[in-house]
């Protein structure tokens, strides 16, 4: 196992609660899939806060943050049938990783969690 990077982020849920009221923020940060999926969720603050933290942790695992044409909307979080979160890897992400790390074979592992006041995400990026 080759470890390319790890990333972690913690978010104050009250901050996200205020921000998700703004449609411009929602559309700048979250994919259409994520916004549509949120309609099925009762606690929208936790839903969006965990995904915001996951996007930040993802960018940190790359070691770049949001640079080199990487945007929040490029990073999409989905869940498998049992609810486990994962990153949906787009062609743009594949291209960025291939350019920076010179590989087409890689995996991301994502863990997200929340409590009343905070949401946290942890990402492992490996070959």
C-alpha atoms as a PDB file:
ATOM      1  CA  UNK A   1       0.000   0.000   0.000  1.00  0.00           C
ATOM      2  CA  UNK A   2       1.329   3.394  -1.047  1.00  0.00           C
ATOM      3  CA  UNK A   3      -0.095   6.227   0.983  1.00  0.00           C
ATOM      4  CA  UNK A   4      -0.379   9.424  -1.038  1.00  0.00           C
ATOM      5  CA  UNK A   5      -2.051  11.499   1.640  1.00  0.00           C
ATOM      6  CA  UNK A   6      -4.525  11.919   4.442  1.00  0.00           C
ATOM      7  CA  UNK A   7      -6.921  14.741   5.152  1.00  0.00           C
ATOM      8  CA  UNK A   8      -9.140  15.691   8.047  1.00  0.00           C
ATOM      9  CA  UNK A   9     -11.559  18.533   8.592  1.00  0.00           C
ATOM     10  CA  UNK A  10     -13.988  19.612  11.288  1.00  0.00           C
ATOM     11  CA  UNK A  11     -16.903  21.984  10.733  1.00  0.00           C
ATOM     12  CA  UNK A  12     -19.026  23.996  13.128  1.00  0.00           C
ATOM     13  CA  UNK A  13     -22.561  22.951  12.169  1.00  0.00           C
ATOM     14  CA  UNK A  14     -24.044  26.341  13.116  1.00  0.00           C
ATOM     15  CA  UNK A  15     -21.845  27.968  10.454  1.00  0.00           C
ATOM     16  CA  UNK A  16     -23.104  25.586   7.786  1.00  0.00           C
ATOM     17  CA  UNK A  17     -26.715  26.015   8.951  1.00  0.00           C
ATOM     18  CA  UNK A  18     -26.478  29.730   8.174  1.00  0.00           C
ATOM     19  CA  UNK A  19     -24.665  29.223   4.871  1.00  0.00           C
ATOM     20  CA  UNK A  20     -27.031  26.636   3.368  1.00  0.00           C
ATOM     21  CA  UNK A  21     -29.859  29.183   3.443  1.00  0.00           C
ATOM     22  CA  UNK A  22     -27.988  30.906   0.614  1.00  0.00           C
ATOM     23  CA  UNK A  23     -28.739  29.269  -2.762  1.00  0.00           C
ATOM     24  CA  UNK A  24     -25.543  30.714  -4.265  1.00  0.00           C
ATOM     25  CA  UNK A  25     -23.472  28.953  -1.591  1.00  0.00           C
ATOM     26  CA  UNK A  26     -25.354  25.666  -2.092  1.00  0.00           C
ATOM     27  CA  UNK A  27     -24.824  25.732  -5.859  1.00  0.00           C
ATOM     28  CA  UNK A  28     -21.178  26.778  -5.550  1.00  0.00           C
ATOM     29  CA  UNK A  29     -20.231  24.021  -3.094  1.00  0.00           C
ATOM     30  CA  UNK A  30     -22.551  21.060  -3.669  1.00  0.00           C
ATOM     31  CA  UNK A  31     -23.301  19.030  -6.783  1.00  0.00           C
ATOM     32  CA  UNK A  32     -26.802  18.748  -8.207  1.00  0.00           C
ATOM     33  CA  UNK A  33     -26.807  15.132  -6.992  1.00  0.00           C
ATOM     34  CA  UNK A  34     -26.020  16.180  -3.403  1.00  0.00           C
ATOM     35  CA  UNK A  35     -28.612  18.951  -3.388  1.00  0.00           C
ATOM     36  CA  UNK A  36     -31.289  16.609  -4.786  1.00  0.00           C
ATOM     37  CA  UNK A  37     -30.321  13.872  -2.312  1.00  0.00           C
ATOM     38  CA  UNK A  38     -30.676  16.331   0.593  1.00  0.00           C
ATOM     39  CA  UNK A  39     -34.423  16.529  -0.026  1.00  0.00           C
ATOM     40  CA  UNK A  40     -34.728  13.014   1.445  1.00  0.00           C
ATOM     41  CA  UNK A  41     -32.893  14.000   4.651  1.00  0.00           C
ATOM     42  CA  UNK A  42     -34.540  15.538   7.724  1.00  0.00           C
ATOM     43  CA  UNK A  43     -31.354  17.067   9.232  1.00  0.00           C
ATOM     44  CA  UNK A  44     -30.071  19.119   6.308  1.00  0.00           C
ATOM     45  CA  UNK A  45     -27.496  20.917   8.458  1.00  0.00           C
ATOM     46  CA  UNK A  46     -25.724  17.674   9.379  1.00  0.00           C
ATOM     47  CA  UNK A  47     -26.064  16.365   5.810  1.00  0.00           C
ATOM     48  CA  UNK A  48     -24.375  19.389   4.265  1.00  0.00           C
ATOM     49  CA  UNK A  49     -21.866  19.934   7.100  1.00  0.00           C
ATOM     50  CA  UNK A  50     -20.509  16.372   6.788  1.00  0.00           C
ATOM     51  CA  UNK A  51     -20.173  16.748   3.038  1.00  0.00           C
ATOM     52  CA  UNK A  52     -18.495  20.141   3.368  1.00  0.00           C
ATOM     53  CA  UNK A  53     -15.971  18.627   5.796  1.00  0.00           C
ATOM     54  CA  UNK A  54     -15.454  15.662   3.435  1.00  0.00           C
ATOM     55  CA  UNK A  55     -14.698  17.953   0.489  1.00  0.00           C
ATOM     56  CA  UNK A  56     -12.189  19.910   2.569  1.00  0.00           C
ATOM     57  CA  UNK A  57     -10.557  16.684   3.819  1.00  0.00           C
ATOM     58  CA  UNK A  58     -10.422  15.351   0.244  1.00  0.00           C
ATOM     59  CA  UNK A  59      -8.568  18.438  -0.981  1.00  0.00           C
ATOM     60  CA  UNK A  60      -6.155  18.160   1.948  1.00  0.00           C
ATOM     61  CA  UNK A  61      -5.474  14.492   1.179  1.00  0.00           C
ATOM     62  CA  UNK A  62      -4.315  15.593  -2.276  1.00  0.00           C
ATOM     63  CA  UNK A  63      -1.925  18.017  -0.622  1.00  0.00           C
ATOM     64  CA  UNK A  64      -3.174  20.902  -2.733  1.00  0.00           C
ATOM     65  CA  UNK A  65      -6.297  22.266  -1.150  1.00  0.00           C
ATOM     66  CA  UNK A  66      -8.573  23.955  -3.658  1.00  0.00           C
ATOM     67  CA  UNK A  67      -6.003  24.843  -6.306  1.00  0.00           C
ATOM     68  CA  UNK A  68      -5.091  23.630  -9.768  1.00  0.00           C
ATOM     69  CA  UNK A  69      -8.670  24.063 -11.003  1.00  0.00           C
ATOM     70  CA  UNK A  70     -10.155  21.887  -8.213  1.00  0.00           C
ATOM     71  CA  UNK A  71     -13.536  23.161  -7.037  1.00  0.00           C
ATOM     72  CA  UNK A  72     -15.947  22.044  -4.323  1.00  0.00           C
ATOM     73  CA  UNK A  73     -18.482  20.864  -6.918  1.00  0.00           C
ATOM     74  CA  UNK A  74     -15.866  18.566  -8.497  1.00  0.00           C
ATOM     75  CA  UNK A  75     -15.941  16.452  -5.336  1.00  0.00           C
ATOM     76  CA  UNK A  76     -19.151  14.437  -5.031  1.00  0.00           C
ATOM     77  CA  UNK A  77     -20.073  12.339  -2.010  1.00  0.00           C
ATOM     78  CA  UNK A  78     -22.493   9.463  -2.449  1.00  0.00           C
ATOM     79  CA  UNK A  79     -23.553   6.576  -0.205  1.00  0.00           C
ATOM     80  CA  UNK A  80     -23.673   2.879  -1.009  1.00  0.00           C
ATOM     81  CA  UNK A  81     -26.768   0.772  -0.299  1.00  0.00           C
ATOM     82  CA  UNK A  82     -25.806   0.284   3.346  1.00  0.00           C
ATOM     83  CA  UNK A  83     -25.166   4.012   3.839  1.00  0.00           C
ATOM     84  CA  UNK A  84     -21.366   4.032   3.703  1.00  0.00           C
ATOM     85  CA  UNK A  85     -20.143   7.311   2.173  1.00  0.00           C
ATOM     86  CA  UNK A  86     -17.737   7.346  -0.757  1.00  0.00           C
ATOM     87  CA  UNK A  87     -16.339   9.784  -3.293  1.00  0.00           C
ATOM     88  CA  UNK A  88     -17.742   9.555  -6.804  1.00  0.00           C
ATOM     89  CA  UNK A  89     -14.603  10.016  -8.901  1.00  0.00           C
ATOM     90  CA  UNK A  90     -15.206  12.181 -11.961  1.00  0.00           C
ATOM     91  CA  UNK A  91     -13.086  12.379 -15.113  1.00  0.00           C
ATOM     92  CA  UNK A  92     -11.754  15.723 -13.888  1.00  0.00           C
ATOM     93  CA  UNK A  93     -10.579  14.216 -10.578  1.00  0.00           C
ATOM     94  CA  UNK A  94      -8.975  11.282 -12.428  1.00  0.00           C
ATOM     95  CA  UNK A  95      -7.156  13.708 -14.692  1.00  0.00           C
ATOM     96  CA  UNK A  96      -5.930  15.873 -11.793  1.00  0.00           C
ATOM     97  CA  UNK A  97      -4.631  12.809  -9.928  1.00  0.00           C
ATOM     98  CA  UNK A  98      -2.980  11.358 -13.021  1.00  0.00           C
ATOM     99  CA  UNK A  99      -1.259  14.685 -13.693  1.00  0.00           C
ATOM    100  CA  UNK A 100      -0.068  15.238 -10.116  1.00  0.00           C
ATOM    101  CA  UNK A 101       0.660  11.668  -8.971  1.00  0.00           C
ATOM    102  CA  UNK A 102       1.364   9.964 -12.316  1.00  0.00           C
ATOM    103  CA  UNK A 103      -1.039   7.110 -11.605  1.00  0.00           C
ATOM    104  CA  UNK A 104      -4.398   5.877 -12.772  1.00  0.00           C
ATOM    105  CA  UNK A 105      -4.825   3.408  -9.908  1.00  0.00           C
ATOM    106  CA  UNK A 106      -5.834   4.878  -6.572  1.00  0.00           C
ATOM    107  CA  UNK A 107      -8.416   4.623  -3.797  1.00  0.00           C
ATOM    108  CA  UNK A 108     -10.014   7.068  -1.428  1.00  0.00           C
ATOM    109  CA  UNK A 109     -11.445   6.033   1.926  1.00  0.00           C
ATOM    110  CA  UNK A 110     -13.881   8.368   3.641  1.00  0.00           C
ATOM    111  CA  UNK A 111     -15.263   8.442   7.152  1.00  0.00           C
ATOM    112  CA  UNK A 112     -17.710  11.149   8.232  1.00  0.00           C
ATOM    113  CA  UNK A 113     -19.436  11.743  11.541  1.00  0.00           C
ATOM    114  CA  UNK A 114     -21.376  14.432  13.344  1.00  0.00           C
ATOM    115  CA  UNK A 115     -22.581  15.490  16.747  1.00  0.00           C
ATOM    116  CA  UNK A 116     -24.927  18.306  17.660  1.00  0.00           C
ATOM    117  CA  UNK A 117     -22.371  21.083  17.150  1.00  0.00           C
ATOM    118  CA  UNK A 118     -19.711  19.626  14.858  1.00  0.00           C
ATOM    119  CA  UNK A 119     -19.152  17.443  11.814  1.00  0.00           C
ATOM    120  CA  UNK A 120     -15.874  15.766  10.960  1.00  0.00           C
ATOM    121  CA  UNK A 121     -14.427  13.939   7.968  1.00  0.00           C
ATOM    122  CA  UNK A 122     -11.304  11.834   7.559  1.00  0.00           C
ATOM    123  CA  UNK A 123      -9.880  10.789   4.179  1.00  0.00           C
ATOM    124  CA  UNK A 124      -7.139   8.336   3.206  1.00  0.00           C
ATOM    125  CA  UNK A 125      -5.756   8.565  -0.332  1.00  0.00           C
ATOM    126  CA  UNK A 126      -3.708   5.555  -1.408  1.00  0.00           C
ATOM    127  CA  UNK A 127      -2.357   3.715  -4.411  1.00  0.00           C
END
